[in-house]
N, C-alpha and C. Protein backbone atom coordinates (compact mmCIF):
# COMPACT_ATOMS: atom_id res chain seq x y z
N MET A 1 0.53 8.12 -28.76
CA MET A 1 1.23 7.39 -27.68
C MET A 1 0.82 7.94 -26.42
N ILE A 2 1.14 9.17 -26.26
CA ILE A 2 0.77 9.56 -24.78
C ILE A 2 -0.61 9.45 -24.30
N LEU A 3 -1.41 9.56 -25.33
CA LEU A 3 -2.91 9.47 -25.03
C LEU A 3 -3.27 7.98 -24.54
N VAL A 4 -2.66 6.98 -25.21
CA VAL A 4 -2.93 5.73 -25.14
C VAL A 4 -2.30 5.47 -23.58
N ILE A 5 -1.04 6.05 -23.36
CA ILE A 5 -0.71 5.57 -21.79
C ILE A 5 -1.69 6.39 -20.88
N LEU A 6 -2.05 7.55 -21.04
CA LEU A 6 -3.02 8.27 -20.17
C LEU A 6 -4.25 7.36 -19.88
N ALA A 7 -4.63 6.98 -21.13
CA ALA A 7 -5.90 6.07 -21.28
C ALA A 7 -5.72 4.91 -20.36
N ALA A 8 -4.40 4.22 -20.37
CA ALA A 8 -4.32 3.00 -19.56
C ALA A 8 -4.25 3.32 -18.13
N VAL A 9 -3.61 4.54 -17.89
CA VAL A 9 -3.48 4.77 -16.37
C VAL A 9 -4.77 5.13 -15.89
N LEU A 10 -5.64 5.84 -16.49
CA LEU A 10 -6.92 6.27 -16.01
C LEU A 10 -7.75 4.62 -15.88
N MET A 11 -7.61 3.83 -16.78
CA MET A 11 -8.43 2.57 -16.62
C MET A 11 -7.81 1.68 -15.63
N VAL A 12 -6.58 1.66 -15.47
CA VAL A 12 -6.16 0.68 -14.42
C VAL A 12 -6.42 1.47 -13.06
N SER A 13 -6.40 2.93 -12.92
CA SER A 13 -6.78 3.37 -11.52
C SER A 13 -8.22 3.06 -11.60
N GLY A 14 -9.21 3.33 -12.53
CA GLY A 14 -10.54 3.08 -12.27
C GLY A 14 -10.98 1.48 -11.66
N ALA A 15 -10.07 0.58 -12.27
CA ALA A 15 -10.25 -0.66 -11.98
C ALA A 15 -9.67 -0.96 -10.53
N PHE A 16 -8.63 -0.19 -10.04
CA PHE A 16 -8.44 -0.49 -8.72
C PHE A 16 -9.53 0.25 -7.67
N PHE A 17 -10.03 1.44 -7.99
CA PHE A 17 -11.31 1.88 -7.28
C PHE A 17 -12.36 0.90 -7.30
N LEU A 18 -12.64 0.41 -8.23
CA LEU A 18 -13.88 -0.60 -8.48
C LEU A 18 -13.40 -1.94 -7.61
N THR A 19 -12.42 -2.31 -7.58
CA THR A 19 -11.91 -3.56 -6.79
C THR A 19 -12.10 -3.19 -5.23
N VAL A 20 -11.63 -1.90 -4.84
CA VAL A 20 -11.75 -1.49 -3.33
C VAL A 20 -12.90 -1.51 -3.11
N SER A 21 -13.98 -0.97 -3.95
CA SER A 21 -15.33 -0.94 -3.70
C SER A 21 -15.82 -2.25 -3.44
N CYS A 22 -15.48 -3.17 -4.28
CA CYS A 22 -16.03 -4.54 -4.03
C CYS A 22 -15.59 -5.08 -2.80
N ILE A 23 -14.38 -4.97 -2.32
CA ILE A 23 -13.79 -5.37 -1.02
C ILE A 23 -14.54 -4.66 -0.01
N GLY A 24 -14.78 -3.57 -0.18
CA GLY A 24 -15.60 -2.78 0.92
C GLY A 24 -16.86 -3.38 1.03
N LEU A 25 -17.62 -3.64 0.11
CA LEU A 25 -18.90 -4.33 0.09
C LEU A 25 -18.78 -5.42 0.90
N ILE A 26 -18.04 -6.36 0.64
CA ILE A 26 -17.78 -7.65 1.32
C ILE A 26 -17.41 -7.58 2.78
N ARG A 27 -16.54 -6.69 3.00
CA ARG A 27 -15.87 -6.66 4.24
C ARG A 27 -16.51 -6.00 5.34
N LEU A 28 -17.23 -4.65 5.04
CA LEU A 28 -17.52 -3.87 6.06
C LEU A 28 -18.97 -4.46 6.69
N PRO A 29 -19.01 -4.05 8.04
CA PRO A 29 -20.23 -4.84 8.76
C PRO A 29 -21.81 -4.23 8.42
N ASP A 30 -21.98 -3.11 8.30
CA ASP A 30 -23.30 -2.79 8.21
C ASP A 30 -23.54 -2.16 6.76
N VAL A 31 -24.87 -1.51 6.61
CA VAL A 31 -25.20 -1.00 5.41
C VAL A 31 -24.74 0.38 5.33
N TYR A 32 -24.56 1.03 6.44
CA TYR A 32 -23.99 2.54 6.43
C TYR A 32 -22.52 2.54 6.00
N SER A 33 -21.76 1.65 6.54
CA SER A 33 -20.48 1.49 6.14
C SER A 33 -20.09 1.05 4.57
N ARG A 34 -21.03 -0.01 4.24
CA ARG A 34 -21.01 -0.50 2.94
C ARG A 34 -21.20 0.59 1.86
N ILE A 35 -22.49 1.44 2.21
CA ILE A 35 -22.76 2.41 1.39
C ILE A 35 -21.74 3.42 1.11
N HIS A 36 -21.10 3.80 2.26
CA HIS A 36 -20.18 5.01 2.03
C HIS A 36 -18.90 4.43 1.25
N ALA A 37 -18.50 3.10 1.53
CA ALA A 37 -17.39 2.53 0.89
C ALA A 37 -17.74 2.59 -0.75
N VAL A 38 -18.88 2.16 -1.06
CA VAL A 38 -19.33 1.78 -2.56
C VAL A 38 -19.74 3.10 -3.00
N GLY A 39 -20.29 4.02 -2.45
CA GLY A 39 -20.70 5.24 -3.03
C GLY A 39 -19.44 6.14 -3.40
N LYS A 40 -18.54 6.09 -2.47
CA LYS A 40 -17.45 7.03 -3.08
C LYS A 40 -16.32 6.35 -4.11
N SER A 41 -15.99 5.07 -3.83
CA SER A 41 -15.04 4.39 -4.44
C SER A 41 -15.84 3.95 -5.92
N GLU A 42 -16.90 3.66 -6.03
CA GLU A 42 -17.45 3.16 -7.10
C GLU A 42 -17.68 4.22 -8.18
N THR A 43 -18.19 5.25 -7.64
CA THR A 43 -18.45 6.62 -8.70
C THR A 43 -17.03 6.94 -9.24
N LEU A 44 -16.01 7.12 -8.34
CA LEU A 44 -14.62 7.66 -8.93
C LEU A 44 -14.00 6.49 -9.96
N GLY A 45 -14.44 5.01 -9.43
CA GLY A 45 -13.89 4.09 -10.36
C GLY A 45 -14.58 4.19 -11.59
N ALA A 46 -15.90 4.26 -11.70
CA ALA A 46 -16.44 4.36 -12.84
C ALA A 46 -16.20 5.63 -13.83
N ILE A 47 -15.88 6.77 -13.11
CA ILE A 47 -15.54 7.88 -13.90
C ILE A 47 -14.23 7.70 -14.36
N LEU A 48 -13.21 7.26 -13.74
CA LEU A 48 -11.72 7.18 -14.15
C LEU A 48 -11.97 6.24 -15.21
N MET A 49 -12.65 5.05 -15.24
CA MET A 49 -12.80 3.90 -16.33
C MET A 49 -13.51 4.60 -17.56
N LEU A 50 -14.44 5.31 -17.40
CA LEU A 50 -15.18 5.87 -18.54
C LEU A 50 -14.38 6.74 -19.19
N GLY A 51 -13.66 7.61 -18.44
CA GLY A 51 -12.69 8.75 -18.94
C GLY A 51 -11.47 8.12 -19.71
N GLY A 52 -11.17 6.85 -19.35
CA GLY A 52 -10.07 6.47 -19.89
C GLY A 52 -10.45 5.66 -21.22
N LEU A 53 -11.67 5.41 -21.14
CA LEU A 53 -12.21 4.73 -22.51
C LEU A 53 -12.39 5.80 -23.37
N ALA A 54 -12.97 6.93 -23.01
CA ALA A 54 -13.32 8.09 -23.95
C ALA A 54 -11.98 8.63 -24.53
N ILE A 55 -10.89 8.76 -23.76
CA ILE A 55 -9.66 9.36 -24.21
C ILE A 55 -9.06 8.08 -25.24
N TYR A 56 -9.09 7.01 -24.95
CA TYR A 56 -8.49 5.95 -25.97
C TYR A 56 -9.42 5.84 -27.29
N ASN A 57 -10.72 6.10 -27.14
CA ASN A 57 -11.56 5.91 -28.28
C ASN A 57 -11.14 7.05 -29.30
N GLY A 58 -10.65 8.20 -28.83
CA GLY A 58 -10.72 9.41 -29.83
C GLY A 58 -11.94 10.12 -29.65
N TRP A 59 -12.10 11.22 -30.47
CA TRP A 59 -13.35 11.98 -30.72
C TRP A 59 -14.27 11.50 -31.47
N THR A 60 -15.22 10.59 -31.32
CA THR A 60 -16.18 9.89 -32.13
C THR A 60 -17.58 10.19 -31.56
N LEU A 61 -18.70 9.57 -32.06
CA LEU A 61 -19.91 9.53 -31.62
C LEU A 61 -20.06 8.62 -30.31
N THR A 62 -19.29 7.61 -30.19
CA THR A 62 -19.08 6.59 -28.96
C THR A 62 -18.49 7.35 -27.83
N THR A 63 -17.53 8.18 -28.35
CA THR A 63 -16.98 9.19 -27.06
C THR A 63 -17.89 9.99 -26.48
N ALA A 64 -18.86 10.77 -27.34
CA ALA A 64 -19.90 11.56 -26.92
C ALA A 64 -20.91 10.72 -25.88
N ARG A 65 -21.24 9.42 -26.34
CA ARG A 65 -22.09 8.56 -25.47
C ARG A 65 -21.40 8.14 -24.12
N LEU A 66 -20.03 7.95 -24.31
CA LEU A 66 -19.40 7.76 -23.06
C LEU A 66 -19.33 8.92 -22.06
N LEU A 67 -19.31 9.85 -22.66
CA LEU A 67 -19.16 11.05 -21.85
C LEU A 67 -20.73 11.36 -21.17
N LEU A 68 -21.58 11.36 -21.95
CA LEU A 68 -22.95 11.14 -21.35
C LEU A 68 -23.13 10.26 -20.16
N ILE A 69 -22.77 9.05 -20.37
CA ILE A 69 -22.99 7.96 -19.36
C ILE A 69 -22.05 8.37 -17.90
N LEU A 70 -20.85 8.99 -18.30
CA LEU A 70 -20.21 9.44 -17.15
C LEU A 70 -20.73 10.59 -16.61
N LEU A 71 -21.45 11.63 -17.17
CA LEU A 71 -22.19 12.39 -16.47
C LEU A 71 -23.29 12.06 -15.86
N PHE A 72 -24.07 11.04 -16.43
CA PHE A 72 -25.06 10.52 -15.67
C PHE A 72 -24.70 9.98 -14.29
N ILE A 73 -23.58 9.02 -14.44
CA ILE A 73 -23.12 8.39 -13.06
C ILE A 73 -22.82 9.47 -12.09
N LEU A 74 -22.06 10.53 -12.54
CA LEU A 74 -21.56 11.55 -11.64
C LEU A 74 -22.83 12.18 -10.79
N LEU A 75 -23.83 12.37 -11.74
CA LEU A 75 -24.97 12.77 -11.07
C LEU A 75 -26.01 11.80 -10.05
N ALA A 76 -25.97 10.72 -10.73
CA ALA A 76 -27.02 9.66 -10.14
C ALA A 76 -26.52 8.86 -8.97
N ASN A 77 -25.15 8.54 -9.00
CA ASN A 77 -24.49 7.67 -7.96
C ASN A 77 -24.53 8.43 -6.55
N PRO A 78 -24.35 9.72 -6.25
CA PRO A 78 -24.40 10.13 -5.08
C PRO A 78 -25.91 10.38 -4.65
N ALA A 79 -26.74 10.64 -5.53
CA ALA A 79 -28.29 10.72 -5.23
C ALA A 79 -28.66 9.45 -4.78
N ALA A 80 -28.26 8.41 -5.44
CA ALA A 80 -28.86 7.07 -5.15
C ALA A 80 -28.28 6.52 -3.77
N THR A 81 -27.12 6.78 -3.56
CA THR A 81 -26.48 6.48 -2.34
C THR A 81 -27.04 7.04 -1.24
N HIS A 82 -27.23 8.54 -1.38
CA HIS A 82 -27.94 9.32 -0.12
C HIS A 82 -29.39 8.55 0.08
N ALA A 83 -30.14 8.34 -1.14
CA ALA A 83 -31.47 7.85 -0.87
C ALA A 83 -31.60 6.60 -0.20
N ILE A 84 -30.53 5.69 -0.44
CA ILE A 84 -30.60 4.35 0.26
C ILE A 84 -30.24 4.43 1.64
N ALA A 85 -29.24 5.56 1.96
CA ALA A 85 -28.95 5.56 3.30
C ALA A 85 -29.89 6.23 4.18
N ARG A 86 -30.76 7.13 3.64
CA ARG A 86 -31.79 7.92 4.24
C ARG A 86 -33.02 6.92 4.39
N SER A 87 -33.20 5.92 3.50
CA SER A 87 -34.41 5.01 3.77
C SER A 87 -34.02 3.92 4.73
N ALA A 88 -32.70 3.54 4.90
CA ALA A 88 -32.43 2.68 6.02
C ALA A 88 -32.35 3.46 7.28
N LEU A 89 -32.18 4.75 7.43
CA LEU A 89 -32.35 5.29 8.55
C LEU A 89 -33.80 5.62 9.01
N VAL A 90 -34.36 5.96 8.04
CA VAL A 90 -36.15 6.17 8.22
C VAL A 90 -36.81 4.86 8.75
N SER A 91 -36.41 3.69 8.23
CA SER A 91 -36.89 2.48 8.39
C SER A 91 -36.62 1.77 9.66
N GLY A 92 -35.53 2.74 10.46
CA GLY A 92 -34.99 2.35 11.89
C GLY A 92 -33.89 1.34 11.87
N LEU A 93 -33.12 1.35 10.92
CA LEU A 93 -31.87 0.31 10.86
C LEU A 93 -30.82 1.06 11.41
N GLU A 94 -30.41 0.26 12.75
CA GLU A 94 -29.29 0.91 13.49
C GLU A 94 -28.01 0.73 12.97
N PRO A 95 -26.84 1.72 13.23
CA PRO A 95 -25.63 1.46 12.68
C PRO A 95 -25.02 0.38 13.70
N TRP A 96 -24.03 -0.23 12.99
CA TRP A 96 -23.29 -1.50 13.82
C TRP A 96 -22.51 -0.75 14.83
N THR A 97 -22.40 -1.10 15.79
CA THR A 97 -21.42 -0.68 16.95
C THR A 97 -20.74 -1.79 17.71
N LYS A 98 -19.55 -1.70 17.88
CA LYS A 98 -18.77 -2.64 18.57
C LYS A 98 -18.95 -2.93 19.88
N GLN A 99 -19.49 -3.92 20.44
CA GLN A 99 -19.77 -4.46 21.55
C GLN A 99 -18.54 -4.70 22.61
N LYS A 100 -18.40 -4.00 23.72
CA LYS A 100 -17.10 -4.35 24.76
C LYS A 100 -17.64 -5.15 25.78
N LYS A 101 -16.84 -6.19 26.04
CA LYS A 101 -17.16 -6.80 27.35
C LYS A 101 -17.14 -6.21 28.47
N GLN A 102 -18.03 -6.40 29.29
CA GLN A 102 -18.01 -5.73 30.68
C GLN A 102 -17.39 -6.80 31.62
N THR A 103 -16.15 -6.15 32.24
CA THR A 103 -15.36 -6.85 33.12
C THR A 103 -15.46 -6.26 34.42
N GLY A 104 -15.33 -6.86 35.52
CA GLY A 104 -15.26 -6.28 36.76
C GLY A 104 -13.89 -5.65 37.00
N GLY A 105 -12.86 -6.17 36.80
CA GLY A 105 -11.54 -5.86 37.28
C GLY A 105 -10.84 -5.04 36.02
N ASN A 106 -9.44 -5.29 35.86
CA ASN A 106 -8.82 -4.58 34.97
C ASN A 106 -8.80 -5.27 33.55
N GLY A 107 -9.67 -6.31 33.36
CA GLY A 107 -9.74 -7.00 32.08
C GLY A 107 -8.82 -8.06 31.67
N THR A 108 -8.21 -8.72 32.90
CA THR A 108 -7.22 -9.83 32.71
C THR A 108 -7.85 -11.03 32.63
N ALA A 109 -7.26 -12.05 32.26
CA ALA A 109 -7.96 -13.54 32.21
C ALA A 109 -8.31 -13.90 33.56
N GLU A 110 -7.61 -13.58 34.70
CA GLU A 110 -7.97 -13.94 35.85
C GLU A 110 -9.27 -13.33 36.27
N ASP A 111 -9.54 -11.93 35.92
CA ASP A 111 -10.76 -11.43 36.38
C ASP A 111 -12.01 -11.94 35.63
N GLU A 112 -11.82 -12.40 34.36
CA GLU A 112 -12.98 -13.05 33.68
C GLU A 112 -13.19 -14.56 34.20
N SER A 113 -12.06 -15.13 34.61
CA SER A 113 -12.39 -16.63 35.11
C SER A 113 -12.97 -16.39 36.70
N ALA A 114 -12.65 -15.48 37.49
CA ALA A 114 -13.21 -15.13 38.49
C ALA A 114 -14.76 -14.63 38.51
N GLN A 115 -15.27 -14.09 37.57
CA GLN A 115 -16.41 -13.74 37.39
C GLN A 115 -17.37 -14.90 36.92
N GLN A 116 -16.74 -15.76 36.04
CA GLN A 116 -17.45 -16.93 35.40
C GLN A 116 -17.69 -17.93 36.70
N GLY A 117 -16.82 -18.12 37.75
CA GLY A 117 -17.01 -18.80 38.90
C GLY A 117 -18.09 -18.46 39.71
N GLU A 118 -18.43 -17.13 39.76
CA GLU A 118 -19.32 -16.65 40.74
C GLU A 118 -20.93 -17.13 40.46
């Protein structure tokens, strides 16, 4: 009974991190931010999910396969994330930066309307 509860907690936690990863992929502005969000949370989510499945399944041949997949994800995801980020940097892709409006005064609406009238 305790193992089933532990497996459920791990799988729900893994689903949470995978959901956060998907939201980060959609919401963040550039490839570097997206890679950071997905690389960290997707790896953790997949490890938690596979760990929960392995605990729930008990010790069988399927569990050994799940643990091998978990080990592969643990090794491959960070390396793939680094390779994608490095290739984006080498290809000259600039990180996203927030552009600030240049105002002559203290940034009030009166200053902006005065600049537009010039």
